Amino acid sequence: MIRLHHSPQTRSMRTLWLLHELDVPFEVLTYPFDATLQRPEYLAMSPVGRVPALEIDGEVMFETGAIAEYLCERFSPDGLGRAPGSTERMEWLTWVHFAETLSVHVAALTQQHVMLFQDEMRSPVIMKLEAKRLAKCYAAVEAKLTKGFAERYILQGGFSAADIGLGQAIYMGTHFAALDDYPAVAEWYARMVARPAFIASLPAPGQGIYDQAFYDWRAWQ
């Protein structure tokens, strides 16, 4: 039995997309992104009250990178994963976990633009810095996609959980930093968000964190 504890437009979307791509049976329990995640019953699964939490065969996991590694090794080691011994194993691990580097900056921007309800608590300086750091992450992905050849996916061997992790993080990131200066990323991203499994992981109308398509730090100067 696989049960995903999920909040729309959070890191748990990464795991939800992966589960849809794996095409394995699973159940989703959806939570609002609020104090519900601090209840004792949820903290028993995710000790700092964050999503996702993944129940699988009586055990619980709560880190998206670890979840991606485990699910791929179990269900798709040579498809969405890259098994130990694969020539792409090192690259796969690097880019699976680089998704979290992106997500750290997205989380900071989400806090500044969305979660802080009082304007005096917001910092245009932090907004600007984090948006620029996010853009540096885009530049790293752009360099990978254009390194001597035009890659269709992050790895030459084909679509993998690395594309899923990065695709979800960039989906969140595009609320704060546009892809205009990163044509290879934009072309790759357009194909990622057209995948049926990505579409299946999107929130229903009105259920996500963001009520705007784009949040511009310049509005707070």
N, C-alpha and C. Protein backbone atom coordinates (compact mmCIF):
# COMPACT_ATOMS: atom_id res chain seq x y z
N MET A 1 0.85 -1.19 0.00
CA MET A 1 0.00 0.00 0.00
C MET A 1 0.89 1.24 0.00
N ILE A 2 0.53 2.20 -0.87
CA ILE A 2 1.24 3.46 -0.93
C ILE A 2 0.22 4.57 -0.69
N ARG A 3 0.50 5.42 0.29
CA ARG A 3 -0.37 6.55 0.57
C ARG A 3 0.49 7.81 0.66
N LEU A 4 0.14 8.80 -0.18
CA LEU A 4 0.86 10.07 -0.19
C LEU A 4 0.06 11.13 0.56
N HIS A 5 0.72 11.78 1.50
CA HIS A 5 0.16 12.92 2.21
C HIS A 5 0.66 14.17 1.50
N HIS A 6 -0.27 14.96 0.99
CA HIS A 6 0.04 15.95 -0.03
C HIS A 6 -0.67 17.27 0.23
N SER A 7 0.02 18.38 -0.06
CA SER A 7 -0.61 19.69 -0.13
C SER A 7 -0.35 20.25 -1.53
N PRO A 8 -1.37 20.77 -2.20
CA PRO A 8 -1.18 21.27 -3.56
C PRO A 8 -0.15 22.39 -3.65
N GLN A 9 0.61 22.39 -4.74
CA GLN A 9 1.63 23.41 -5.02
C GLN A 9 2.68 23.48 -3.91
N THR A 10 3.11 22.33 -3.44
CA THR A 10 4.23 22.22 -2.52
C THR A 10 5.16 21.16 -3.06
N ARG A 11 6.23 20.88 -2.32
CA ARG A 11 7.19 19.86 -2.75
C ARG A 11 6.53 18.49 -2.96
N SER A 12 5.43 18.23 -2.26
CA SER A 12 4.79 16.92 -2.40
C SER A 12 4.24 16.70 -3.80
N MET A 13 4.06 17.79 -4.55
CA MET A 13 3.65 17.65 -5.95
C MET A 13 4.69 16.87 -6.74
N ARG A 14 5.96 16.99 -6.34
CA ARG A 14 7.05 16.26 -6.99
C ARG A 14 6.83 14.76 -6.87
N THR A 15 6.47 14.33 -5.66
CA THR A 15 6.22 12.91 -5.43
C THR A 15 4.95 12.45 -6.13
N LEU A 16 3.92 13.29 -6.12
CA LEU A 16 2.67 12.96 -6.80
C LEU A 16 2.90 12.75 -8.29
N TRP A 17 3.64 13.63 -8.92
CA TRP A 17 3.96 13.50 -10.35
C TRP A 17 4.72 12.20 -10.60
N LEU A 18 5.70 11.91 -9.75
CA LEU A 18 6.48 10.68 -9.91
C LEU A 18 5.59 9.45 -9.80
N LEU A 19 4.70 9.43 -8.84
CA LEU A 19 3.81 8.27 -8.68
C LEU A 19 2.93 8.09 -9.91
N HIS A 20 2.43 9.19 -10.47
CA HIS A 20 1.64 9.07 -11.70
C HIS A 20 2.48 8.52 -12.85
N GLU A 21 3.73 8.95 -12.95
CA GLU A 21 4.61 8.45 -14.02
C GLU A 21 4.92 6.97 -13.83
N LEU A 22 5.06 6.55 -12.58
CA LEU A 22 5.35 5.14 -12.30
C LEU A 22 4.15 4.24 -12.58
N ASP A 23 2.97 4.84 -12.55
CA ASP A 23 1.72 4.09 -12.83
C ASP A 23 1.56 2.92 -11.87
N VAL A 24 1.79 3.20 -10.58
CA VAL A 24 1.57 2.20 -9.53
C VAL A 24 0.34 2.61 -8.73
N PRO A 25 -0.35 1.65 -8.11
CA PRO A 25 -1.52 2.02 -7.29
C PRO A 25 -1.10 2.84 -6.08
N PHE A 26 -1.81 3.93 -5.83
CA PHE A 26 -1.53 4.73 -4.63
C PHE A 26 -2.77 5.52 -4.26
N GLU A 27 -2.77 5.99 -3.04
CA GLU A 27 -3.84 6.80 -2.49
C GLU A 27 -3.26 8.16 -2.12
N VAL A 28 -4.05 9.22 -2.27
CA VAL A 28 -3.61 10.56 -1.91
C VAL A 28 -4.54 11.12 -0.83
N LEU A 29 -3.94 11.61 0.25
CA LEU A 29 -4.66 12.38 1.27
C LEU A 29 -4.19 13.82 1.14
N THR A 30 -5.11 14.74 0.86
CA THR A 30 -4.76 16.12 0.60
C THR A 30 -5.05 16.99 1.82
N TYR A 31 -4.09 17.84 2.15
CA TYR A 31 -4.18 18.72 3.31
C TYR A 31 -4.10 20.18 2.87
N PRO A 32 -4.74 21.09 3.57
CA PRO A 32 -4.46 22.51 3.35
C PRO A 32 -3.06 22.83 3.86
N PHE A 33 -2.44 23.82 3.27
CA PHE A 33 -1.10 24.20 3.69
C PHE A 33 -1.21 25.19 4.85
N ASP A 34 -1.51 24.62 6.02
CA ASP A 34 -1.75 25.46 7.20
C ASP A 34 -1.40 24.67 8.45
N ALA A 35 -1.93 25.10 9.57
CA ALA A 35 -1.60 24.48 10.86
C ALA A 35 -2.05 23.03 10.97
N THR A 36 -2.85 22.57 10.02
CA THR A 36 -3.24 21.16 10.01
C THR A 36 -2.00 20.26 10.02
N LEU A 37 -0.95 20.70 9.37
CA LEU A 37 0.28 19.90 9.28
C LEU A 37 1.06 19.86 10.59
N GLN A 38 0.61 20.63 11.57
CA GLN A 38 1.27 20.64 12.89
C GLN A 38 0.52 19.80 13.92
N ARG A 39 -0.53 19.13 13.49
CA ARG A 39 -1.25 18.28 14.42
C ARG A 39 -0.41 17.06 14.80
N PRO A 40 -0.56 16.57 16.02
CA PRO A 40 0.29 15.47 16.48
C PRO A 40 0.25 14.24 15.57
N GLU A 41 -0.92 13.92 15.03
CA GLU A 41 -1.02 12.72 14.20
C GLU A 41 -0.22 12.88 12.91
N TYR A 42 -0.13 14.12 12.40
CA TYR A 42 0.69 14.31 11.20
C TYR A 42 2.17 14.39 11.56
N LEU A 43 2.50 15.03 12.66
CA LEU A 43 3.90 15.12 13.10
C LEU A 43 4.49 13.75 13.39
N ALA A 44 3.63 12.80 13.72
CA ALA A 44 4.13 11.43 13.94
C ALA A 44 4.68 10.83 12.65
N MET A 45 4.24 11.35 11.50
CA MET A 45 4.75 10.87 10.22
C MET A 45 5.85 11.76 9.66
N SER A 46 5.68 13.06 9.81
CA SER A 46 6.65 14.03 9.30
C SER A 46 7.01 14.95 10.46
N PRO A 47 8.14 14.75 11.10
CA PRO A 47 8.40 15.35 12.41
C PRO A 47 8.50 16.87 12.43
N VAL A 48 8.70 17.53 11.27
CA VAL A 48 8.69 18.99 11.28
C VAL A 48 7.44 19.54 10.59
N GLY A 49 6.48 18.67 10.33
CA GLY A 49 5.20 19.12 9.82
C GLY A 49 5.22 19.63 8.40
N ARG A 50 5.94 18.92 7.54
CA ARG A 50 6.01 19.32 6.14
C ARG A 50 5.52 18.18 5.26
N VAL A 51 5.16 18.54 4.05
CA VAL A 51 4.79 17.54 3.06
C VAL A 51 5.93 17.42 2.05
N PRO A 52 6.06 16.22 1.47
CA PRO A 52 5.18 15.06 1.61
C PRO A 52 5.56 14.19 2.80
N ALA A 53 4.61 13.33 3.15
CA ALA A 53 4.90 12.12 3.89
C ALA A 53 4.38 10.98 3.02
N LEU A 54 5.15 9.94 2.92
CA LEU A 54 4.77 8.81 2.07
C LEU A 54 4.75 7.55 2.92
N GLU A 55 3.56 6.97 3.06
CA GLU A 55 3.43 5.67 3.72
C GLU A 55 3.60 4.58 2.66
N ILE A 56 4.47 3.63 2.96
CA ILE A 56 4.68 2.53 2.02
C ILE A 56 5.05 1.28 2.79
N ASP A 57 4.20 0.28 2.67
CA ASP A 57 4.41 -1.01 3.33
C ASP A 57 4.68 -0.87 4.83
N GLY A 58 3.90 -0.01 5.48
CA GLY A 58 4.00 0.14 6.93
C GLY A 58 5.10 1.06 7.41
N GLU A 59 5.89 1.61 6.51
CA GLU A 59 6.94 2.56 6.86
C GLU A 59 6.57 3.94 6.31
N VAL A 60 7.27 4.97 6.79
CA VAL A 60 6.99 6.33 6.36
C VAL A 60 8.29 7.01 5.93
N MET A 61 8.23 7.71 4.81
CA MET A 61 9.34 8.54 4.34
C MET A 61 8.84 9.98 4.26
N PHE A 62 9.79 10.96 4.41
CA PHE A 62 9.33 12.35 4.40
C PHE A 62 10.34 13.31 3.77
N GLU A 63 11.22 12.83 2.93
CA GLU A 63 12.13 13.70 2.16
C GLU A 63 12.00 13.36 0.69
N THR A 64 11.74 14.38 -0.15
CA THR A 64 11.40 14.10 -1.55
C THR A 64 12.54 13.45 -2.32
N GLY A 65 13.78 13.87 -2.06
CA GLY A 65 14.90 13.25 -2.76
C GLY A 65 15.02 11.78 -2.41
N ALA A 66 14.91 11.47 -1.12
CA ALA A 66 14.98 10.08 -0.69
C ALA A 66 13.81 9.27 -1.23
N ILE A 67 12.63 9.89 -1.24
CA ILE A 67 11.45 9.22 -1.78
C ILE A 67 11.65 8.89 -3.25
N ALA A 68 12.18 9.85 -4.02
CA ALA A 68 12.42 9.62 -5.44
C ALA A 68 13.40 8.47 -5.64
N GLU A 69 14.48 8.47 -4.88
CA GLU A 69 15.46 7.38 -5.01
C GLU A 69 14.81 6.03 -4.70
N TYR A 70 14.07 5.98 -3.60
CA TYR A 70 13.49 4.70 -3.18
C TYR A 70 12.47 4.19 -4.19
N LEU A 71 11.56 5.07 -4.61
CA LEU A 71 10.52 4.63 -5.54
C LEU A 71 11.11 4.19 -6.87
N CYS A 72 12.10 4.91 -7.35
CA CYS A 72 12.71 4.52 -8.63
C CYS A 72 13.48 3.21 -8.50
N GLU A 73 14.22 3.04 -7.42
CA GLU A 73 14.96 1.79 -7.24
C GLU A 73 14.01 0.60 -7.14
N ARG A 74 12.86 0.83 -6.56
CA ARG A 74 11.91 -0.27 -6.38
C ARG A 74 11.08 -0.56 -7.62
N PHE A 75 10.63 0.51 -8.30
CA PHE A 75 9.66 0.30 -9.38
C PHE A 75 10.19 0.59 -10.78
N SER A 76 11.28 1.34 -10.90
CA SER A 76 11.75 1.71 -12.24
C SER A 76 13.24 2.02 -12.23
N PRO A 77 14.08 1.05 -11.81
CA PRO A 77 15.51 1.34 -11.66
C PRO A 77 16.22 1.72 -12.94
N ASP A 78 15.75 1.22 -14.07
CA ASP A 78 16.40 1.51 -15.34
C ASP A 78 15.51 2.33 -16.27
N GLY A 79 14.45 2.92 -15.69
CA GLY A 79 13.55 3.76 -16.47
C GLY A 79 13.60 5.18 -15.92
N LEU A 80 12.77 5.45 -14.92
CA LEU A 80 12.80 6.76 -14.28
C LEU A 80 14.00 6.91 -13.37
N GLY A 81 14.58 5.79 -12.96
CA GLY A 81 15.79 5.82 -12.15
C GLY A 81 17.02 5.48 -12.98
N ARG A 82 18.15 5.51 -12.31
CA ARG A 82 19.41 5.02 -12.87
C ARG A 82 20.05 4.17 -11.79
N ALA A 83 20.08 2.87 -12.02
CA ALA A 83 20.51 1.92 -11.01
C ALA A 83 22.00 2.09 -10.68
N PRO A 84 22.42 1.70 -9.47
CA PRO A 84 23.84 1.68 -9.17
C PRO A 84 24.61 0.90 -10.24
N GLY A 85 25.69 1.47 -10.71
CA GLY A 85 26.43 0.85 -11.80
C GLY A 85 26.13 1.47 -13.15
N SER A 86 25.00 2.18 -13.26
CA SER A 86 24.67 2.87 -14.51
C SER A 86 25.68 3.99 -14.75
N THR A 87 26.02 4.21 -16.01
CA THR A 87 26.95 5.29 -16.34
C THR A 87 26.34 6.66 -16.04
N GLU A 88 25.01 6.72 -15.92
CA GLU A 88 24.35 8.00 -15.63
C GLU A 88 23.93 8.14 -14.17
N ARG A 89 24.33 7.18 -13.33
CA ARG A 89 23.92 7.21 -11.93
C ARG A 89 24.36 8.50 -11.22
N MET A 90 25.59 8.92 -11.41
CA MET A 90 26.09 10.11 -10.72
C MET A 90 25.33 11.35 -11.16
N GLU A 91 25.16 11.51 -12.46
CA GLU A 91 24.40 12.66 -12.97
C GLU A 91 22.96 12.63 -12.47
N TRP A 92 22.36 11.46 -12.50
CA TRP A 92 20.97 11.32 -12.06
C TRP A 92 20.82 11.79 -10.62
N LEU A 93 21.68 11.31 -9.74
CA LEU A 93 21.61 11.71 -8.34
C LEU A 93 21.80 13.21 -8.18
N THR A 94 22.76 13.76 -8.92
CA THR A 94 23.03 15.19 -8.81
C THR A 94 21.81 16.02 -9.15
N TRP A 95 21.16 15.70 -10.28
CA TRP A 95 20.03 16.52 -10.72
C TRP A 95 18.75 16.21 -9.97
N VAL A 96 18.56 14.98 -9.51
CA VAL A 96 17.41 14.69 -8.64
C VAL A 96 17.46 15.59 -7.40
N HIS A 97 18.64 15.74 -6.83
CA HIS A 97 18.77 16.52 -5.59
C HIS A 97 18.94 18.01 -5.85
N PHE A 98 19.36 18.39 -7.05
CA PHE A 98 19.44 19.82 -7.37
C PHE A 98 18.04 20.45 -7.36
N ALA A 99 17.01 19.65 -7.57
CA ALA A 99 15.65 20.17 -7.47
C ALA A 99 15.40 20.83 -6.12
N GLU A 100 16.03 20.31 -5.07
CA GLU A 100 15.84 20.90 -3.75
C GLU A 100 16.56 22.23 -3.63
N THR A 101 17.69 22.40 -4.32
CA THR A 101 18.36 23.70 -4.34
C THR A 101 17.43 24.76 -4.91
N LEU A 102 16.79 24.44 -6.01
CA LEU A 102 15.77 25.33 -6.58
C LEU A 102 14.66 25.60 -5.57
N SER A 103 14.19 24.56 -4.94
CA SER A 103 13.02 24.68 -4.06
C SER A 103 13.29 25.53 -2.83
N VAL A 104 14.53 25.55 -2.36
CA VAL A 104 14.87 26.40 -1.22
C VAL A 104 14.62 27.87 -1.55
N HIS A 105 15.03 28.28 -2.74
CA HIS A 105 14.80 29.68 -3.14
C HIS A 105 13.32 29.94 -3.39
N VAL A 106 12.63 28.98 -3.98
CA VAL A 106 11.19 29.13 -4.18
C VAL A 106 10.47 29.26 -2.83
N ALA A 107 10.89 28.48 -1.85
CA ALA A 107 10.26 28.54 -0.53
C ALA A 107 10.45 29.91 0.10
N ALA A 108 11.66 30.47 -0.03
CA ALA A 108 11.91 31.79 0.52
C ALA A 108 11.05 32.85 -0.16
N LEU A 109 10.91 32.74 -1.48
CA LEU A 109 10.08 33.69 -2.21
C LEU A 109 8.60 33.51 -1.88
N THR A 110 8.18 32.28 -1.72
CA THR A 110 6.79 32.02 -1.35
C THR A 110 6.48 32.63 0.01
N GLN A 111 7.41 32.48 0.94
CA GLN A 111 7.20 33.07 2.26
C GLN A 111 7.06 34.59 2.16
N GLN A 112 7.96 35.23 1.39
CA GLN A 112 7.95 36.68 1.28
C GLN A 112 6.70 37.20 0.58
N HIS A 113 6.32 36.59 -0.50
CA HIS A 113 5.23 37.11 -1.31
C HIS A 113 3.85 36.64 -0.86
N VAL A 114 3.77 35.45 -0.28
CA VAL A 114 2.46 34.83 -0.05
C VAL A 114 2.16 34.62 1.42
N MET A 115 3.12 34.09 2.17
CA MET A 115 2.83 33.63 3.52
C MET A 115 2.88 34.75 4.57
N LEU A 116 3.66 35.80 4.31
CA LEU A 116 3.72 36.91 5.25
C LEU A 116 2.57 37.87 4.93
N PHE A 117 1.60 37.93 5.81
CA PHE A 117 0.37 38.65 5.51
C PHE A 117 0.48 40.16 5.77
N GLN A 118 1.43 40.57 6.59
CA GLN A 118 1.59 41.98 6.89
C GLN A 118 2.72 42.55 6.02
N ASP A 119 2.42 43.61 5.29
CA ASP A 119 3.38 44.16 4.34
C ASP A 119 4.70 44.55 4.99
N GLU A 120 4.64 45.06 6.23
CA GLU A 120 5.88 45.50 6.88
C GLU A 120 6.82 44.35 7.20
N MET A 121 6.34 43.11 7.13
CA MET A 121 7.18 41.94 7.38
C MET A 121 7.96 41.52 6.13
N ARG A 122 7.54 42.02 4.97
CA ARG A 122 8.18 41.63 3.71
C ARG A 122 9.44 42.45 3.47
N SER A 123 10.39 41.85 2.74
CA SER A 123 11.65 42.52 2.44
C SER A 123 11.91 42.49 0.94
N PRO A 124 11.82 43.64 0.26
CA PRO A 124 12.17 43.67 -1.16
C PRO A 124 13.60 43.22 -1.44
N VAL A 125 14.49 43.45 -0.48
CA VAL A 125 15.89 43.02 -0.66
C VAL A 125 15.97 41.50 -0.74
N ILE A 126 15.30 40.82 0.19
CA ILE A 126 15.29 39.36 0.17
C ILE A 126 14.61 38.85 -1.10
N MET A 127 13.49 39.48 -1.47
CA MET A 127 12.80 39.08 -2.70
C MET A 127 13.72 39.16 -3.90
N LYS A 128 14.45 40.26 -4.04
CA LYS A 128 15.35 40.46 -5.17
C LYS A 128 16.48 39.43 -5.16
N LEU A 129 17.10 39.25 -3.99
CA LEU A 129 18.22 38.30 -3.88
C LEU A 129 17.77 36.88 -4.22
N GLU A 130 16.63 36.46 -3.66
CA GLU A 130 16.18 35.09 -3.89
C GLU A 130 15.75 34.88 -5.34
N ALA A 131 15.15 35.90 -5.97
CA ALA A 131 14.79 35.77 -7.38
C ALA A 131 16.05 35.63 -8.24
N LYS A 132 17.11 36.36 -7.90
CA LYS A 132 18.36 36.25 -8.65
C LYS A 132 19.03 34.89 -8.41
N ARG A 133 18.95 34.38 -7.20
CA ARG A 133 19.50 33.05 -6.91
C ARG A 133 18.73 31.98 -7.66
N LEU A 134 17.43 32.14 -7.75
CA LEU A 134 16.62 31.21 -8.52
C LEU A 134 17.02 31.25 -9.99
N ALA A 135 17.24 32.45 -10.52
CA ALA A 135 17.68 32.58 -11.91
C ALA A 135 19.03 31.92 -12.14
N LYS A 136 19.92 31.95 -11.16
CA LYS A 136 21.20 31.25 -11.29
C LYS A 136 21.00 29.75 -11.41
N CYS A 137 20.00 29.24 -10.72
CA CYS A 137 19.67 27.81 -10.86
C CYS A 137 19.16 27.51 -12.26
N TYR A 138 18.32 28.39 -12.79
CA TYR A 138 17.89 28.22 -14.18
C TYR A 138 19.10 28.18 -15.11
N ALA A 139 20.07 29.06 -14.86
CA ALA A 139 21.25 29.11 -15.71
C ALA A 139 22.03 27.80 -15.66
N ALA A 140 22.06 27.16 -14.49
CA ALA A 140 22.74 25.88 -14.37
C ALA A 140 22.05 24.81 -15.20
N VAL A 141 20.72 24.81 -15.19
CA VAL A 141 19.96 23.85 -15.99
C VAL A 141 20.13 24.16 -17.48
N GLU A 142 20.13 25.44 -17.83
CA GLU A 142 20.36 25.86 -19.22
C GLU A 142 21.70 25.34 -19.72
N ALA A 143 22.73 25.48 -18.90
CA ALA A 143 24.06 25.00 -19.29
C ALA A 143 24.08 23.50 -19.50
N LYS A 144 23.35 22.77 -18.66
CA LYS A 144 23.30 21.31 -18.80
C LYS A 144 22.61 20.93 -20.10
N LEU A 145 21.52 21.62 -20.40
CA LEU A 145 20.73 21.28 -21.59
C LEU A 145 21.43 21.68 -22.89
N THR A 146 22.43 22.53 -22.82
CA THR A 146 23.11 23.00 -24.03
C THR A 146 24.60 22.67 -24.03
N LYS A 147 24.99 21.71 -23.22
CA LYS A 147 26.41 21.37 -23.08
C LYS A 147 26.90 20.55 -24.27
N GLY A 148 27.26 21.24 -25.33
CA GLY A 148 27.84 20.56 -26.49
C GLY A 148 26.83 19.94 -27.41
N PHE A 149 25.58 19.85 -26.97
CA PHE A 149 24.52 19.26 -27.79
C PHE A 149 23.20 19.67 -27.19
N ALA A 150 22.17 19.65 -27.97
CA ALA A 150 20.84 19.98 -27.47
C ALA A 150 20.20 18.72 -26.91
N GLU A 151 20.06 18.64 -25.60
CA GLU A 151 19.47 17.46 -24.96
C GLU A 151 17.96 17.61 -24.88
N ARG A 152 17.28 16.52 -25.12
CA ARG A 152 15.83 16.53 -25.01
C ARG A 152 15.41 16.42 -23.55
N TYR A 153 16.23 15.74 -22.74
CA TYR A 153 15.96 15.59 -21.32
C TYR A 153 17.23 15.94 -20.55
N ILE A 154 17.13 15.97 -19.24
CA ILE A 154 18.29 16.32 -18.42
C ILE A 154 19.42 15.32 -18.63
N LEU A 155 19.09 14.05 -18.80
CA LEU A 155 20.08 13.02 -19.07
C LEU A 155 19.93 12.53 -20.50
N GLN A 156 21.05 12.21 -21.12
CA GLN A 156 21.01 11.73 -22.50
C GLN A 156 20.22 10.43 -22.63
N GLY A 157 20.20 9.65 -21.55
CA GLY A 157 19.51 8.36 -21.61
C GLY A 157 18.00 8.45 -21.63
N GLY A 158 17.46 9.64 -21.48
CA GLY A 158 16.02 9.80 -21.58
C GLY A 158 15.37 10.34 -20.32
N PHE A 159 14.06 10.49 -20.39
CA PHE A 159 13.26 11.04 -19.30
C PHE A 159 13.46 10.24 -18.02
N SER A 160 13.56 10.96 -16.91
CA SER A 160 13.81 10.29 -15.63
C SER A 160 13.24 11.12 -14.49
N ALA A 161 13.41 10.63 -13.28
CA ALA A 161 12.97 11.36 -12.09
C ALA A 161 13.72 12.67 -11.93
N ALA A 162 14.87 12.82 -12.57
CA ALA A 162 15.58 14.11 -12.55
C ALA A 162 14.75 15.17 -13.26
N ASP A 163 14.15 14.82 -14.38
CA ASP A 163 13.27 15.76 -15.08
C ASP A 163 12.04 16.09 -14.24
N ILE A 164 11.53 15.12 -13.53
CA ILE A 164 10.36 15.35 -12.69
C ILE A 164 10.68 16.33 -11.57
N GLY A 165 11.76 16.06 -10.84
CA GLY A 165 12.13 16.94 -9.73
C GLY A 165 12.40 18.36 -10.18
N LEU A 166 13.19 18.49 -11.23
CA LEU A 166 13.51 19.83 -11.73
C LEU A 166 12.28 20.49 -12.34
N GLY A 167 11.48 19.72 -13.07
CA GLY A 167 10.29 20.28 -13.68
C GLY A 167 9.32 20.84 -12.66
N GLN A 168 9.13 20.11 -11.57
CA GLN A 168 8.21 20.59 -10.53
C GLN A 168 8.78 21.83 -9.85
N ALA A 169 10.08 21.83 -9.56
CA ALA A 169 10.69 22.98 -8.90
C ALA A 169 10.62 24.22 -9.79
N ILE A 170 10.83 24.04 -11.09
CA ILE A 170 10.77 25.18 -12.00
C ILE A 170 9.32 25.64 -12.19
N TYR A 171 8.38 24.71 -12.19
CA TYR A 171 6.96 25.10 -12.20
C TYR A 171 6.67 26.06 -11.05
N MET A 172 7.15 25.73 -9.87
CA MET A 172 6.96 26.62 -8.73
C MET A 172 7.75 27.91 -8.92
N GLY A 173 8.97 27.78 -9.45
CA GLY A 173 9.83 28.94 -9.60
C GLY A 173 9.31 29.97 -10.59
N THR A 174 8.59 29.51 -11.61
CA THR A 174 8.10 30.46 -12.61
C THR A 174 7.06 31.43 -12.06
N HIS A 175 6.62 31.23 -10.84
CA HIS A 175 5.77 32.21 -10.19
C HIS A 175 6.58 33.45 -9.77
N PHE A 176 7.92 33.33 -9.78
CA PHE A 176 8.77 34.41 -9.27
C PHE A 176 9.89 34.84 -10.22
N ALA A 177 10.30 33.98 -11.12
CA ALA A 177 11.38 34.29 -12.06
C ALA A 177 11.04 33.65 -13.40
N ALA A 178 10.98 34.46 -14.43
CA ALA A 178 10.58 33.99 -15.75
C ALA A 178 11.71 33.24 -16.45
N LEU A 179 11.36 32.48 -17.48
CA LEU A 179 12.33 31.69 -18.25
C LEU A 179 12.76 32.39 -19.53
N ASP A 180 12.45 33.66 -19.68
CA ASP A 180 12.70 34.37 -20.93
C ASP A 180 14.15 34.31 -21.39
N ASP A 181 15.07 34.34 -20.45
CA ASP A 181 16.50 34.35 -20.80
C ASP A 181 17.10 32.95 -20.88
N TYR A 182 16.27 31.92 -20.82
CA TYR A 182 16.76 30.55 -20.79
C TYR A 182 15.99 29.71 -21.80
N PRO A 183 16.28 29.87 -23.09
CA PRO A 183 15.47 29.23 -24.14
C PRO A 183 15.49 27.71 -24.10
N ALA A 184 16.64 27.12 -23.76
CA ALA A 184 16.69 25.65 -23.69
C ALA A 184 15.82 25.14 -22.55
N VAL A 185 15.88 25.82 -21.41
CA VAL A 185 15.04 25.44 -20.28
C VAL A 185 13.57 25.61 -20.65
N ALA A 186 13.24 26.72 -21.30
CA ALA A 186 11.84 26.98 -21.66
C ALA A 186 11.31 25.91 -22.60
N GLU A 187 12.13 25.48 -23.57
CA GLU A 187 11.68 24.45 -24.51
C GLU A 187 11.50 23.12 -23.81
N TRP A 188 12.46 22.75 -22.96
CA TRP A 188 12.37 21.51 -22.18
C TRP A 188 11.17 21.56 -21.23
N TYR A 189 11.00 22.69 -20.56
CA TYR A 189 9.93 22.84 -19.58
C TYR A 189 8.55 22.72 -20.25
N ALA A 190 8.41 23.27 -21.44
CA ALA A 190 7.13 23.18 -22.14
C ALA A 190 6.75 21.73 -22.39
N ARG A 191 7.74 20.89 -22.67
CA ARG A 191 7.44 19.47 -22.87
C ARG A 191 7.13 18.77 -21.56
N MET A 192 7.79 19.18 -20.48
CA MET A 192 7.53 18.56 -19.19
C MET A 192 6.10 18.81 -18.73
N VAL A 193 5.64 20.06 -18.86
CA VAL A 193 4.31 20.39 -18.33
C VAL A 193 3.19 19.91 -19.24
N ALA A 194 3.55 19.40 -20.42
CA ALA A 194 2.54 18.80 -21.30
C ALA A 194 2.32 17.33 -21.01
N ARG A 195 3.16 16.75 -20.14
CA ARG A 195 3.03 15.32 -19.85
C ARG A 195 1.75 15.06 -19.05
N PRO A 196 1.01 14.02 -19.39
CA PRO A 196 -0.23 13.73 -18.65
C PRO A 196 -0.03 13.57 -17.15
N ALA A 197 1.09 12.98 -16.73
CA ALA A 197 1.32 12.79 -15.30
C ALA A 197 1.56 14.11 -14.59
N PHE A 198 2.20 15.07 -15.26
CA PHE A 198 2.34 16.40 -14.65
C PHE A 198 0.97 17.05 -14.51
N ILE A 199 0.19 17.00 -15.56
CA ILE A 199 -1.13 17.61 -15.53
C ILE A 199 -1.99 16.99 -14.42
N ALA A 200 -1.84 15.69 -14.23
CA ALA A 200 -2.61 15.00 -13.18
C ALA A 200 -2.19 15.45 -11.78
N SER A 201 -1.00 15.99 -11.65
CA SER A 201 -0.50 16.41 -10.33
C SER A 201 -0.83 17.86 -10.00
N LEU A 202 -1.41 18.59 -10.94
CA LEU A 202 -1.76 19.99 -10.71
C LEU A 202 -2.93 20.11 -9.73
N PRO A 203 -2.97 21.20 -9.00
CA PRO A 203 -4.09 21.38 -8.06
C PRO A 203 -5.39 21.69 -8.80
N ALA A 204 -6.48 21.35 -8.17
CA ALA A 204 -7.78 21.78 -8.68
C ALA A 204 -7.89 23.29 -8.52
N PRO A 205 -8.71 23.95 -9.33
CA PRO A 205 -8.86 25.40 -9.22
C PRO A 205 -9.17 25.83 -7.79
N GLY A 206 -8.41 26.84 -7.34
CA GLY A 206 -8.63 27.38 -6.01
C GLY A 206 -7.98 26.62 -4.88
N GLN A 207 -7.26 25.55 -5.18
CA GLN A 207 -6.68 24.73 -4.11
C GLN A 207 -5.20 25.00 -3.87
N GLY A 208 -4.54 25.72 -4.74
CA GLY A 208 -3.09 25.92 -4.60
C GLY A 208 -2.73 27.04 -3.65
N ILE A 209 -1.43 27.22 -3.47
CA ILE A 209 -0.90 28.29 -2.63
C ILE A 209 -0.99 29.63 -3.33
N TYR A 210 -0.76 29.63 -4.64
CA TYR A 210 -0.60 30.88 -5.38
C TYR A 210 -1.92 31.33 -6.01
N ASP A 211 -2.26 32.59 -5.80
CA ASP A 211 -3.44 33.14 -6.45
C ASP A 211 -3.07 34.09 -7.59
N GLN A 212 -1.75 34.17 -7.89
CA GLN A 212 -1.27 34.94 -9.01
C GLN A 212 -0.36 34.06 -9.86
N ALA A 213 -0.35 34.33 -11.17
CA ALA A 213 0.55 33.59 -12.04
C ALA A 213 1.99 34.01 -11.84
N PHE A 214 2.20 35.28 -11.46
CA PHE A 214 3.56 35.79 -11.29
C PHE A 214 3.58 36.85 -10.19
N TYR A 215 4.61 36.76 -9.34
CA TYR A 215 4.82 37.71 -8.27
C TYR A 215 6.14 38.44 -8.55
N ASP A 216 6.07 39.74 -8.76
CA ASP A 216 7.23 40.52 -9.15
C ASP A 216 7.77 41.29 -7.93
N TRP A 217 9.01 41.05 -7.56
CA TRP A 217 9.59 41.71 -6.41
C TRP A 217 9.62 43.23 -6.58
N ARG A 218 9.64 43.69 -7.84
CA ARG A 218 9.70 45.12 -8.09
C ARG A 218 8.46 45.85 -7.58
N ALA A 219 7.38 45.13 -7.44
CA ALA A 219 6.15 45.75 -6.94
C ALA A 219 6.29 46.20 -5.49
N TRP A 220 7.32 45.70 -4.79
CA TRP A 220 7.49 46.01 -3.38
C TRP A 220 8.59 47.03 -3.15
N GLN A 221 9.19 47.55 -4.22
CA GLN A 221 10.23 48.55 -4.06
C GLN A 221 9.65 49.88 -3.58
